[in-house]
PDB file of N, CA and C in Angstrom:
ATOM      1  N   UNK A   1      15.004 -36.386 -16.106  1.00  0.00           N
ATOM      2  CA  UNK A   1      14.443 -35.115 -15.718  1.00  0.00           C
ATOM      3  C   UNK A   1      14.674 -34.111 -16.847  1.00  0.00           C
ATOM      4  N   UNK A   2      13.669 -33.294 -17.146  1.00  0.00           N
ATOM      5  CA  UNK A   2      13.789 -32.305 -18.215  1.00  0.00           C
ATOM      6  C   UNK A   2      14.642 -31.131 -17.750  1.00  0.00           C
ATOM      7  N   UNK A   3      15.555 -30.714 -18.618  1.00  0.00           N
ATOM      8  CA  UNK A   3      16.458 -29.617 -18.321  1.00  0.00           C
ATOM      9  C   UNK A   3      16.415 -28.646 -19.496  1.00  0.00           C
ATOM     10  N   UNK A   4      16.395 -27.328 -19.260  1.00  0.00           N
ATOM     11  CA  UNK A   4      16.401 -26.378 -20.367  1.00  0.00           C
ATOM     12  C   UNK A   4      17.655 -26.537 -21.217  1.00  0.00           C
ATOM     13  N   UNK A   5      17.465 -26.437 -22.541  1.00  0.00           N
ATOM     14  CA  UNK A   5      18.592 -26.619 -23.463  1.00  0.00           C
ATOM     15  C   UNK A   5      19.522 -25.422 -23.445  1.00  0.00           C
ATOM     16  N   UNK A   6      18.946 -24.220 -23.333  1.00  0.00           N
ATOM     17  CA  UNK A   6      19.761 -23.011 -23.325  1.00  0.00           C
ATOM     18  C   UNK A   6      19.364 -22.101 -22.157  1.00  0.00           C
ATOM     19  N   UNK A   7      20.320 -21.295 -21.762  1.00  0.00           N
ATOM     20  CA  UNK A   7      20.108 -20.356 -20.677  1.00  0.00           C
ATOM     21  C   UNK A   7      19.201 -19.208 -21.152  1.00  0.00           C
ATOM     22  N   UNK A   8      18.299 -18.745 -20.273  1.00  0.00           N
ATOM     23  CA  UNK A   8      17.450 -17.616 -20.640  1.00  0.00           C
ATOM     24  C   UNK A   8      18.244 -16.325 -20.556  1.00  0.00           C
ATOM     25  N   UNK A   9      18.007 -15.423 -21.504  1.00  0.00           N
ATOM     26  CA  UNK A   9      18.724 -14.154 -21.547  1.00  0.00           C
ATOM     27  C   UNK A   9      18.234 -13.227 -20.422  1.00  0.00           C
ATOM     28  N   UNK A  10      19.029 -12.199 -20.141  1.00  0.00           N
ATOM     29  CA  UNK A  10      18.666 -11.237 -19.107  1.00  0.00           C
ATOM     30  C   UNK A  10      17.409 -10.470 -19.520  1.00  0.00           C
ATOM     31  N   UNK A  11      17.279 -10.164 -20.817  1.00  0.00           N
ATOM     32  CA  UNK A  11      16.110  -9.419 -21.296  1.00  0.00           C
ATOM     33  C   UNK A  11      14.831 -10.230 -21.099  1.00  0.00           C
ATOM     34  N   UNK A  12      14.892 -11.510 -21.406  1.00  0.00           N
ATOM     35  CA  UNK A  12      13.703 -12.356 -21.258  1.00  0.00           C
ATOM     36  C   UNK A  12      13.311 -12.495 -19.783  1.00  0.00           C
ATOM     37  N   UNK A  13      14.307 -12.615 -18.923  1.00  0.00           N
ATOM     38  CA  UNK A  13      14.055 -12.715 -17.487  1.00  0.00           C
ATOM     39  C   UNK A  13      13.448 -11.415 -16.966  1.00  0.00           C
ATOM     40  N   UNK A  14      13.976 -10.266 -17.434  1.00  0.00           N
ATOM     41  CA  UNK A  14      13.466  -8.972 -16.993  1.00  0.00           C
ATOM     42  C   UNK A  14      12.029  -8.755 -17.465  1.00  0.00           C
ATOM     43  N   UNK A  15      11.704  -9.222 -18.677  1.00  0.00           N
ATOM     44  CA  UNK A  15      10.326  -9.099 -19.176  1.00  0.00           C
ATOM     45  C   UNK A  15       9.368  -9.902 -18.312  1.00  0.00           C
ATOM     46  N   UNK A  16       9.775 -11.068 -17.881  1.00  0.00           N
ATOM     47  CA  UNK A  16       8.923 -11.903 -17.049  1.00  0.00           C
ATOM     48  C   UNK A  16       8.706 -11.261 -15.676  1.00  0.00           C
ATOM     49  N   UNK A  17       9.735 -10.597 -15.162  1.00  0.00           N
ATOM     50  CA  UNK A  17       9.656 -10.001 -13.831  1.00  0.00           C
ATOM     51  C   UNK A  17       9.122  -8.569 -13.831  1.00  0.00           C
ATOM     52  N   UNK A  18       8.667  -8.067 -14.964  1.00  0.00           N
ATOM     53  CA  UNK A  18       8.250  -6.662 -15.048  1.00  0.00           C
ATOM     54  C   UNK A  18       7.040  -6.361 -14.175  1.00  0.00           C
ATOM     55  N   UNK A  19       6.218  -7.347 -13.859  1.00  0.00           N
ATOM     56  CA  UNK A  19       5.019  -7.123 -13.055  1.00  0.00           C
ATOM     57  C   UNK A  19       5.242  -7.411 -11.574  1.00  0.00           C
ATOM     58  N   UNK A  20       6.457  -7.729 -11.163  1.00  0.00           N
ATOM     59  CA  UNK A  20       6.739  -8.075  -9.772  1.00  0.00           C
ATOM     60  C   UNK A  20       7.144  -6.876  -8.915  1.00  0.00           C
ATOM     61  N   UNK A  21       7.108  -5.671  -9.473  1.00  0.00           N
ATOM     62  CA  UNK A  21       7.538  -4.490  -8.729  1.00  0.00           C
ATOM     63  C   UNK A  21       6.573  -4.221  -7.573  1.00  0.00           C
ATOM     64  N   UNK A  22       7.104  -3.753  -6.457  1.00  0.00           N
ATOM     65  CA  UNK A  22       6.289  -3.431  -5.285  1.00  0.00           C
ATOM     66  C   UNK A  22       5.654  -2.063  -5.501  1.00  0.00           C
ATOM     67  N   UNK A  23       4.367  -1.980  -5.324  1.00  0.00           N
ATOM     68  CA  UNK A  23       3.640  -0.727  -5.512  1.00  0.00           C
ATOM     69  C   UNK A  23       3.525   0.003  -4.181  1.00  0.00           C
ATOM     70  N   UNK A  24       3.415   1.316  -4.244  1.00  0.00           N
ATOM     71  CA  UNK A  24       3.294   2.134  -3.041  1.00  0.00           C
ATOM     72  C   UNK A  24       1.934   1.987  -2.384  1.00  0.00           C
ATOM     73  N   UNK A  25       1.839   2.397  -1.135  1.00  0.00           N
ATOM     74  CA  UNK A  25       0.593   2.326  -0.397  1.00  0.00           C
ATOM     75  C   UNK A  25      -0.362   3.389  -0.931  1.00  0.00           C
ATOM     76  N   UNK A  26      -1.621   3.016  -1.145  1.00  0.00           N
ATOM     77  CA  UNK A  26      -2.620   3.957  -1.618  1.00  0.00           C
ATOM     78  C   UNK A  26      -3.112   4.781  -0.437  1.00  0.00           C
ATOM     79  N   UNK A  27      -2.857   6.093  -0.487  1.00  0.00           N
ATOM     80  CA  UNK A  27      -3.238   6.982   0.603  1.00  0.00           C
ATOM     81  C   UNK A  27      -4.476   7.773   0.226  1.00  0.00           C
ATOM     82  N   UNK A  28      -5.247   8.124   1.240  1.00  0.00           N
ATOM     83  CA  UNK A  28      -6.410   8.977   1.041  1.00  0.00           C
ATOM     84  C   UNK A  28      -6.430  10.031   2.147  1.00  0.00           C
ATOM     85  N   UNK A  29      -7.101  11.138   1.890  1.00  0.00           N
ATOM     86  CA  UNK A  29      -7.152  12.197   2.899  1.00  0.00           C
ATOM     87  C   UNK A  29      -8.380  12.010   3.781  1.00  0.00           C
ATOM     88  N   UNK A  30      -8.220  12.322   5.042  1.00  0.00           N
ATOM     89  CA  UNK A  30      -9.299  12.203   6.025  1.00  0.00           C
ATOM     90  C   UNK A  30     -10.347  13.276   5.752  1.00  0.00           C
ATOM     91  N   UNK A  31     -11.625  12.906   5.888  1.00  0.00           N
ATOM     92  CA  UNK A  31     -12.715  13.861   5.660  1.00  0.00           C
ATOM     93  C   UNK A  31     -12.760  14.945   6.741  1.00  0.00           C
ATOM     94  N   UNK A  32     -12.365  14.575   7.963  1.00  0.00           N
ATOM     95  CA  UNK A  32     -12.475  15.502   9.085  1.00  0.00           C
ATOM     96  C   UNK A  32     -11.252  16.418   9.214  1.00  0.00           C
ATOM     97  N   UNK A  33     -10.048  15.816   9.269  1.00  0.00           N
ATOM     98  CA  UNK A  33      -8.854  16.629   9.533  1.00  0.00           C
ATOM     99  C   UNK A  33      -7.965  16.839   8.306  1.00  0.00           C
ATOM    100  N   UNK A  34      -8.137  16.041   7.243  1.00  0.00           N
ATOM    101  CA  UNK A  34      -7.385  16.243   6.014  1.00  0.00           C
ATOM    102  C   UNK A  34      -6.016  15.591   5.960  1.00  0.00           C
ATOM    103  N   UNK A  35      -5.615  14.844   6.981  1.00  0.00           N
ATOM    104  CA  UNK A  35      -4.309  14.189   6.943  1.00  0.00           C
ATOM    105  C   UNK A  35      -4.367  12.949   6.056  1.00  0.00           C
ATOM    106  N   UNK A  36      -3.215  12.548   5.538  1.00  0.00           N
ATOM    107  CA  UNK A  36      -3.118  11.383   4.671  1.00  0.00           C
ATOM    108  C   UNK A  36      -2.961  10.118   5.513  1.00  0.00           C
ATOM    109  N   UNK A  37      -3.713   9.067   5.161  1.00  0.00           N
ATOM    110  CA  UNK A  37      -3.584   7.772   5.833  1.00  0.00           C
ATOM    111  C   UNK A  37      -3.973   6.690   4.835  1.00  0.00           C
ATOM    112  N   UNK A  38      -3.558   5.429   5.051  1.00  0.00           N
ATOM    113  CA  UNK A  38      -3.928   4.351   4.134  1.00  0.00           C
ATOM    114  C   UNK A  38      -5.436   4.146   4.095  1.00  0.00           C
ATOM    115  N   UNK A  39      -5.939   3.712   2.950  1.00  0.00           N
ATOM    116  CA  UNK A  39      -7.370   3.478   2.827  1.00  0.00           C
ATOM    117  C   UNK A  39      -7.776   2.284   3.684  1.00  0.00           C
ATOM    118  N   UNK A  40      -9.023   2.261   4.116  1.00  0.00           N
ATOM    119  CA  UNK A  40      -9.600   1.223   4.968  1.00  0.00           C
ATOM    120  C   UNK A  40      -8.909   1.135   6.330  1.00  0.00           C
ATOM    121  N   UNK A  41      -8.401   2.274   6.826  1.00  0.00           N
ATOM    122  CA  UNK A  41      -7.722   2.332   8.120  1.00  0.00           C
ATOM    123  C   UNK A  41      -8.267   3.534   8.882  1.00  0.00           C
ATOM    124  N   UNK A  42      -8.432   3.407  10.189  1.00  0.00           N
ATOM    125  CA  UNK A  42      -8.880   4.524  11.024  1.00  0.00           C
ATOM    126  C   UNK A  42      -7.822   5.618  10.987  1.00  0.00           C
ATOM    127  N   UNK A  43      -8.252   6.871  10.912  1.00  0.00           N
ATOM    128  CA  UNK A  43      -7.322   8.005  10.875  1.00  0.00           C
ATOM    129  C   UNK A  43      -6.554   8.072  12.196  1.00  0.00           C
ATOM    130  N   UNK A  44      -5.224   8.047  12.144  1.00  0.00           N
ATOM    131  CA  UNK A  44      -4.459   8.072  13.404  1.00  0.00           C
ATOM    132  C   UNK A  44      -4.487   9.427  14.097  1.00  0.00           C
ATOM    133  N   UNK A  45      -4.828  10.493  13.385  1.00  0.00           N
ATOM    134  CA  UNK A  45      -4.821  11.830  13.978  1.00  0.00           C
ATOM    135  C   UNK A  45      -6.092  12.124  14.760  1.00  0.00           C
ATOM    136  N   UNK A  46      -7.249  11.868  14.117  1.00  0.00           N
ATOM    137  CA  UNK A  46      -8.511  12.229  14.774  1.00  0.00           C
ATOM    138  C   UNK A  46      -9.356  11.021  15.184  1.00  0.00           C
ATOM    139  N   UNK A  47      -9.023   9.814  14.731  1.00  0.00           N
ATOM    140  CA  UNK A  47      -9.722   8.608  15.157  1.00  0.00           C
ATOM    141  C   UNK A  47     -11.053   8.363  14.476  1.00  0.00           C
ATOM    142  N   UNK A  48     -11.251   8.907  13.271  1.00  0.00           N
ATOM    143  CA  UNK A  48     -12.509   8.697  12.560  1.00  0.00           C
ATOM    144  C   UNK A  48     -12.331   7.685  11.434  1.00  0.00           C
ATOM    145  N   UNK A  49     -13.435   7.066  11.044  1.00  0.00           N
ATOM    146  CA  UNK A  49     -13.454   6.134   9.920  1.00  0.00           C
ATOM    147  C   UNK A  49     -14.795   6.301   9.212  1.00  0.00           C
ATOM    148  N   UNK A  50     -14.776   6.612   7.936  1.00  0.00           N
ATOM    149  CA  UNK A  50     -15.981   6.846   7.132  1.00  0.00           C
ATOM    150  C   UNK A  50     -16.873   7.922   7.752  1.00  0.00           C
ATOM    151  N   UNK A  51     -16.241   8.975   8.303  1.00  0.00           N
ATOM    152  CA  UNK A  51     -16.984  10.091   8.852  1.00  0.00           C
ATOM    153  C   UNK A  51     -17.513   9.909  10.254  1.00  0.00           C
ATOM    154  N   UNK A  52     -17.261   8.756  10.863  1.00  0.00           N
ATOM    155  CA  UNK A  52     -17.752   8.490  12.221  1.00  0.00           C
ATOM    156  C   UNK A  52     -16.583   8.410  13.192  1.00  0.00           C
ATOM    157  N   UNK A  53     -16.776   8.882  14.409  1.00  0.00           N
ATOM    158  CA  UNK A  53     -15.743   8.786  15.440  1.00  0.00           C
ATOM    159  C   UNK A  53     -15.725   7.344  15.961  1.00  0.00           C
ATOM    160  N   UNK A  54     -14.592   6.673  15.782  1.00  0.00           N
ATOM    161  CA  UNK A  54     -14.469   5.277  16.166  1.00  0.00           C
ATOM    162  C   UNK A  54     -13.603   5.120  17.408  1.00  0.00           C
ATOM    163  N   UNK A  55     -12.504   5.873  17.459  1.00  0.00           N
ATOM    164  CA  UNK A  55     -11.540   5.772  18.548  1.00  0.00           C
ATOM    165  C   UNK A  55     -11.307   7.162  19.116  1.00  0.00           C
ATOM    166  N   UNK A  56     -11.222   7.238  20.442  1.00  0.00           N
ATOM    167  CA  UNK A  56     -10.871   8.507  21.068  1.00  0.00           C
ATOM    168  C   UNK A  56      -9.361   8.649  21.082  1.00  0.00           C
ATOM    169  N   UNK A  57      -8.863   9.773  20.555  1.00  0.00           N
ATOM    170  CA  UNK A  57      -7.423  10.029  20.486  1.00  0.00           C
ATOM    171  C   UNK A  57      -7.052  10.954  21.625  1.00  0.00           C
ATOM    172  N   UNK A  58      -5.963  10.634  22.322  1.00  0.00           N
ATOM    173  CA  UNK A  58      -5.498  11.475  23.419  1.00  0.00           C
ATOM    174  C   UNK A  58      -4.985  12.799  22.872  1.00  0.00           C
ATOM    175  N   UNK A  59      -5.111  13.861  23.666  1.00  0.00           N
ATOM    176  CA  UNK A  59      -4.723  15.199  23.209  1.00  0.00           C
ATOM    177  C   UNK A  59      -3.229  15.324  23.010  1.00  0.00           C
ATOM    178  N   UNK A  60      -2.407  14.618  23.747  1.00  0.00           N
ATOM    179  CA  UNK A  60      -0.949  14.718  23.655  1.00  0.00           C
ATOM    180  C   UNK A  60      -0.374  14.003  22.446  1.00  0.00           C
ATOM    181  N   UNK A  61      -1.134  13.141  21.805  1.00  0.00           N
ATOM    182  CA  UNK A  61      -0.604  12.354  20.685  1.00  0.00           C
ATOM    183  C   UNK A  61      -1.052  12.882  19.370  1.00  0.00           C
TER     184      UNK A  61
END
């Protein structure tokens, strides 16, 4: 079985892992109410998606 001859340095390992960082959620503002929500998701405040009312939101929530 093939085995590495030498141990990889911490710098080389860190360079390889530089693209593995977790990125934040991309937020967008609602056209109707202006609150921030993730893209491609119905607005939890007013219940609209792409300018159309999709879900009725209760007044208490």
